Amino acid sequence: MSKRIFRRGIAAFLVMTGVAAGAAPALACTLDNKPSVSANGLLAEFNPQVPLNSAQLATFAPFVFSRSFPLQKAVALTENRGEIARSLQPSAMQRPWRWRFGDGKVAYGWTVKHTFSRKGNMRVSVDAYYPGTKQWYPFDQVLIRVA
């Protein structure tokens, strides 16, 4: 995998999510390539897969967990707030994150627990709320495998 292909994949991801067009103030973890999300204490890793078409891009996340998590067992998810504070505006740090789990469920908190009810790869998105725009913006996305 070349860096050029990776950069094209990330650029396409940013355009499709609206970040490159300026719709979001930051997509922190994607821009600095440092994972900050963990599940049950396991830090996410850089995703070596590169989306090559729109179908792959639809389920792509820049980070992935190195192991799968069991079906019907609670997974504790958290972000490293100190790391995130270096990338997001201070106003985005005033309200707990919104977590979207890829299965239609949503939770709010600095740390959340979620039980996945179906197997497969889920793209977990973490959003920050910006009071100035009164909108949520994604700043982290990670693939989690549920087996």
C-alpha atoms as a PDB file:
ATOM      1  CA  MET A   1       0.000   0.000   0.000  1.00  0.00           C
ATOM      2  CA  SER A   2       1.449   3.325  -0.977  1.00  0.00           C
ATOM      3  CA  LYS A   3       1.085   6.541   0.970  1.00  0.00           C
ATOM      4  CA  ARG A   4      -0.412   8.124  -2.154  1.00  0.00           C
ATOM      5  CA  ILE A   5      -3.253   5.576  -2.264  1.00  0.00           C
ATOM      6  CA  PHE A   6      -3.823   6.032   1.475  1.00  0.00           C
ATOM      7  CA  ARG A   7      -3.962   9.819   1.116  1.00  0.00           C
ATOM      8  CA  ARG A   8      -6.431   9.514  -1.772  1.00  0.00           C
ATOM      9  CA  GLY A   9      -8.611   7.227   0.347  1.00  0.00           C
ATOM     10  CA  ILE A  10      -8.518   9.619   3.292  1.00  0.00           C
ATOM     11  CA  ALA A  11      -9.160  12.595   0.996  1.00  0.00           C
ATOM     12  CA  ALA A  12     -12.200  10.849  -0.463  1.00  0.00           C
ATOM     13  CA  PHE A  13     -13.395   9.989   3.050  1.00  0.00           C
ATOM     14  CA  LEU A  14     -13.034  13.619   4.162  1.00  0.00           C
ATOM     15  CA  VAL A  15     -14.922  14.883   1.110  1.00  0.00           C
ATOM     16  CA  MET A  16     -17.753  12.381   1.597  1.00  0.00           C
ATOM     17  CA  THR A  17     -18.108  13.256   5.277  1.00  0.00           C
ATOM     18  CA  GLY A  18     -18.043  16.982   4.542  1.00  0.00           C
ATOM     19  CA  VAL A  19     -14.822  17.707   6.385  1.00  0.00           C
ATOM     20  CA  ALA A  20     -12.830  18.837   3.360  1.00  0.00           C
ATOM     21  CA  ALA A  21     -15.619  21.244   2.443  1.00  0.00           C
ATOM     22  CA  GLY A  22     -15.356  22.876   5.852  1.00  0.00           C
ATOM     23  CA  ALA A  23     -18.570  21.417   7.236  1.00  0.00           C
ATOM     24  CA  ALA A  24     -16.829  20.287  10.407  1.00  0.00           C
ATOM     25  CA  PRO A  25     -14.291  22.159  12.511  1.00  0.00           C
ATOM     26  CA  ALA A  26     -12.083  19.075  12.909  1.00  0.00           C
ATOM     27  CA  LEU A  27     -11.895  15.376  12.374  1.00  0.00           C
ATOM     28  CA  ALA A  28      -9.203  15.135  15.000  1.00  0.00           C
ATOM     29  CA  CYS A  29      -8.070  11.550  14.954  1.00  0.00           C
ATOM     30  CA  THR A  30      -8.218  11.232  11.195  1.00  0.00           C
ATOM     31  CA  LEU A  31      -6.114  14.343  10.684  1.00  0.00           C
ATOM     32  CA  ASP A  32      -3.398  13.561  13.198  1.00  0.00           C
ATOM     33  CA  ASN A  33      -3.430   9.775  12.572  1.00  0.00           C
ATOM     34  CA  LYS A  34      -3.221   9.069  16.295  1.00  0.00           C
ATOM     35  CA  PRO A  35      -5.794   6.682  17.711  1.00  0.00           C
ATOM     36  CA  SER A  36      -7.503   7.967  20.829  1.00  0.00           C
ATOM     37  CA  VAL A  37     -10.462   5.606  21.164  1.00  0.00           C
ATOM     38  CA  SER A  38     -10.309   2.400  23.152  1.00  0.00           C
ATOM     39  CA  ALA A  39     -12.642  -0.534  23.768  1.00  0.00           C
ATOM     40  CA  ASN A  40     -12.349  -2.459  27.025  1.00  0.00           C
ATOM     41  CA  GLY A  41      -8.927  -0.844  27.477  1.00  0.00           C
ATOM     42  CA  LEU A  42      -7.655  -1.850  24.009  1.00  0.00           C
ATOM     43  CA  LEU A  43      -6.467   1.162  22.016  1.00  0.00           C
ATOM     44  CA  ALA A  44      -7.536   1.277  18.378  1.00  0.00           C
ATOM     45  CA  GLU A  45      -4.916   0.959  15.674  1.00  0.00           C
ATOM     46  CA  PHE A  46      -4.387   2.524  12.273  1.00  0.00           C
ATOM     47  CA  ASN A  47      -6.559   0.767   9.675  1.00  0.00           C
ATOM     48  CA  PRO A  48      -4.232  -0.583   6.954  1.00  0.00           C
ATOM     49  CA  GLN A  49      -7.117  -1.095   4.509  1.00  0.00           C
ATOM     50  CA  VAL A  50      -7.550   1.556   1.825  1.00  0.00           C
ATOM     51  CA  PRO A  51     -11.015   2.152   0.379  1.00  0.00           C
ATOM     52  CA  LEU A  52     -10.782   1.831  -3.401  1.00  0.00           C
ATOM     53  CA  ASN A  53     -14.394   2.485  -4.338  1.00  0.00           C
ATOM     54  CA  SER A  54     -17.525   4.124  -2.950  1.00  0.00           C
ATOM     55  CA  ALA A  55     -18.896   0.857  -1.527  1.00  0.00           C
ATOM     56  CA  GLN A  56     -15.724   0.326   0.521  1.00  0.00           C
ATOM     57  CA  LEU A  57     -15.633   3.982   1.492  1.00  0.00           C
ATOM     58  CA  ALA A  58     -19.173   3.722   2.885  1.00  0.00           C
ATOM     59  CA  THR A  59     -17.952   1.343   5.594  1.00  0.00           C
ATOM     60  CA  PHE A  60     -14.404   2.656   6.001  1.00  0.00           C
ATOM     61  CA  ALA A  61     -12.986   3.977   9.263  1.00  0.00           C
ATOM     62  CA  PRO A  62      -9.416   5.214   9.705  1.00  0.00           C
ATOM     63  CA  PHE A  63      -8.950   3.088  12.828  1.00  0.00           C
ATOM     64  CA  VAL A  64      -9.760  -0.488  13.780  1.00  0.00           C
ATOM     65  CA  PHE A  65      -9.465  -2.691  16.846  1.00  0.00           C
ATOM     66  CA  SER A  66      -6.951  -5.547  16.551  1.00  0.00           C
ATOM     67  CA  ARG A  67      -9.355  -8.138  17.931  1.00  0.00           C
ATOM     68  CA  SER A  68     -13.064  -8.847  17.776  1.00  0.00           C
ATOM     69  CA  PHE A  69     -15.519  -8.414  20.621  1.00  0.00           C
ATOM     70  CA  PRO A  70     -18.150 -10.967  21.629  1.00  0.00           C
ATOM     71  CA  LEU A  71     -21.765 -10.680  20.651  1.00  0.00           C
ATOM     72  CA  GLN A  72     -24.168  -9.750  23.474  1.00  0.00           C
ATOM     73  CA  LYS A  73     -21.353  -8.634  25.820  1.00  0.00           C
ATOM     74  CA  ALA A  74     -21.018  -5.020  26.927  1.00  0.00           C
ATOM     75  CA  VAL A  75     -18.073  -3.151  25.422  1.00  0.00           C
ATOM     76  CA  ALA A  76     -16.772  -0.078  27.273  1.00  0.00           C
ATOM     77  CA  LEU A  77     -15.727   2.627  24.809  1.00  0.00           C
ATOM     78  CA  THR A  78     -13.850   5.790  25.693  1.00  0.00           C
ATOM     79  CA  GLU A  79     -11.761   8.537  24.135  1.00  0.00           C
ATOM     80  CA  ASN A  80      -8.519   9.893  25.532  1.00  0.00           C
ATOM     81  CA  ARG A  81      -9.810  13.358  26.421  1.00  0.00           C
ATOM     82  CA  GLY A  82      -6.324  14.789  26.884  1.00  0.00           C
ATOM     83  CA  GLU A  83      -5.331  13.739  23.370  1.00  0.00           C
ATOM     84  CA  ILE A  84      -8.585  14.982  21.859  1.00  0.00           C
ATOM     85  CA  ALA A  85      -8.295  18.365  23.596  1.00  0.00           C
ATOM     86  CA  ARG A  86      -5.166  19.040  21.528  1.00  0.00           C
ATOM     87  CA  SER A  87      -7.184  18.873  18.299  1.00  0.00           C
ATOM     88  CA  LEU A  88     -10.684  20.108  19.102  1.00  0.00           C
ATOM     89  CA  GLN A  89     -11.755  23.589  20.025  1.00  0.00           C
ATOM     90  CA  PRO A  90     -12.302  24.099  23.785  1.00  0.00           C
ATOM     91  CA  SER A  91     -16.035  24.637  23.207  1.00  0.00           C
ATOM     92  CA  ALA A  92     -16.279  21.083  21.828  1.00  0.00           C
ATOM     93  CA  MET A  93     -14.968  19.741  25.118  1.00  0.00           C
ATOM     94  CA  GLN A  94     -17.825  21.145  27.207  1.00  0.00           C
ATOM     95  CA  ARG A  95     -20.388  18.486  26.362  1.00  0.00           C
ATOM     96  CA  PRO A  96     -19.985  14.675  26.481  1.00  0.00           C
ATOM     97  CA  TRP A  97     -19.519  12.861  23.170  1.00  0.00           C
ATOM     98  CA  ARG A  98     -22.277  11.374  21.064  1.00  0.00           C
ATOM     99  CA  TRP A  99     -21.484   7.770  20.146  1.00  0.00           C
ATOM    100  CA  ARG A 100     -23.095   6.136  17.101  1.00  0.00           C
ATOM    101  CA  PHE A 101     -22.476   2.391  17.073  1.00  0.00           C
ATOM    102  CA  GLY A 102     -23.249   1.430  13.480  1.00  0.00           C
ATOM    103  CA  ASP A 103     -26.278  -0.584  14.513  1.00  0.00           C
ATOM    104  CA  GLY A 104     -28.708   2.336  14.812  1.00  0.00           C
ATOM    105  CA  LYS A 105     -28.104   2.874  18.527  1.00  0.00           C
ATOM    106  CA  VAL A 106     -26.758   6.096  20.032  1.00  0.00           C
ATOM    107  CA  ALA A 107     -25.364   6.958  23.482  1.00  0.00           C
ATOM    108  CA  TYR A 108     -23.931  10.065  25.120  1.00  0.00           C
ATOM    109  CA  GLY A 109     -21.010  10.252  27.523  1.00  0.00           C
ATOM    110  CA  TRP A 110     -17.261  10.521  27.930  1.00  0.00           C
ATOM    111  CA  THR A 111     -17.218   6.743  28.400  1.00  0.00           C
ATOM    112  CA  VAL A 112     -20.083   4.510  27.298  1.00  0.00           C
ATOM    113  CA  LYS A 113     -20.991   0.833  27.338  1.00  0.00           C
ATOM    114  CA  HIS A 114     -22.703  -0.808  24.400  1.00  0.00           C
ATOM    115  CA  THR A 115     -23.877  -4.343  23.710  1.00  0.00           C
ATOM    116  CA  PHE A 116     -23.908  -5.317  20.042  1.00  0.00           C
ATOM    117  CA  SER A 117     -26.802  -7.580  19.098  1.00  0.00           C
ATOM    118  CA  ARG A 118     -25.563  -8.672  15.662  1.00  0.00           C
ATOM    119  CA  LYS A 119     -22.291  -9.976  14.276  1.00  0.00           C
ATOM    120  CA  GLY A 120     -20.200  -8.127  11.734  1.00  0.00           C
ATOM    121  CA  ASN A 121     -18.100  -5.035  11.284  1.00  0.00           C
ATOM    122  CA  MET A 122     -19.593  -1.915  12.813  1.00  0.00           C
ATOM    123  CA  ARG A 123     -18.337   1.610  12.229  1.00  0.00           C
ATOM    124  CA  VAL A 124     -18.455   3.461  15.537  1.00  0.00           C
ATOM    125  CA  SER A 125     -18.527   7.236  15.159  1.00  0.00           C
ATOM    126  CA  VAL A 126     -17.744   9.683  17.937  1.00  0.00           C
ATOM    127  CA  ASP A 127     -19.126  13.199  17.615  1.00  0.00           C
ATOM    128  CA  ALA A 128     -18.444  16.455  19.425  1.00  0.00           C
ATOM    129  CA  TYR A 129     -21.045  19.177  19.886  1.00  0.00           C
ATOM    130  CA  TYR A 130     -20.147  22.725  18.899  1.00  0.00           C
ATOM    131  CA  PRO A 131     -22.334  25.272  20.703  1.00  0.00           C
ATOM    132  CA  GLY A 132     -21.556  28.009  18.169  1.00  0.00           C
ATOM    133  CA  THR A 133     -23.164  26.070  15.324  1.00  0.00           C
ATOM    134  CA  LYS A 134     -25.487  23.982  17.507  1.00  0.00           C
ATOM    135  CA  GLN A 135     -24.427  20.888  15.586  1.00  0.00           C
ATOM    136  CA  TRP A 136     -22.668  17.585  16.164  1.00  0.00           C
ATOM    137  CA  TYR A 137     -19.516  16.852  14.148  1.00  0.00           C
ATOM    138  CA  PRO A 138     -17.707  13.522  13.809  1.00  0.00           C
ATOM    139  CA  PHE A 139     -14.140  13.585  15.086  1.00  0.00           C
ATOM    140  CA  ASP A 140     -13.348   9.887  15.299  1.00  0.00           C
ATOM    141  CA  GLN A 141     -14.427   6.696  13.573  1.00  0.00           C
ATOM    142  CA  VAL A 142     -13.305   3.154  14.271  1.00  0.00           C
ATOM    143  CA  LEU A 143     -14.267  -0.279  13.007  1.00  0.00           C
ATOM    144  CA  ILE A 144     -15.215  -2.816  15.622  1.00  0.00           C
ATOM    145  CA  ARG A 145     -15.612  -6.493  14.762  1.00  0.00           C
ATOM    146  CA  VAL A 146     -18.354  -8.311  16.617  1.00  0.00           C
ATOM    147  CA  ALA A 147     -18.177 -12.109  16.557  1.00  0.00           C
END
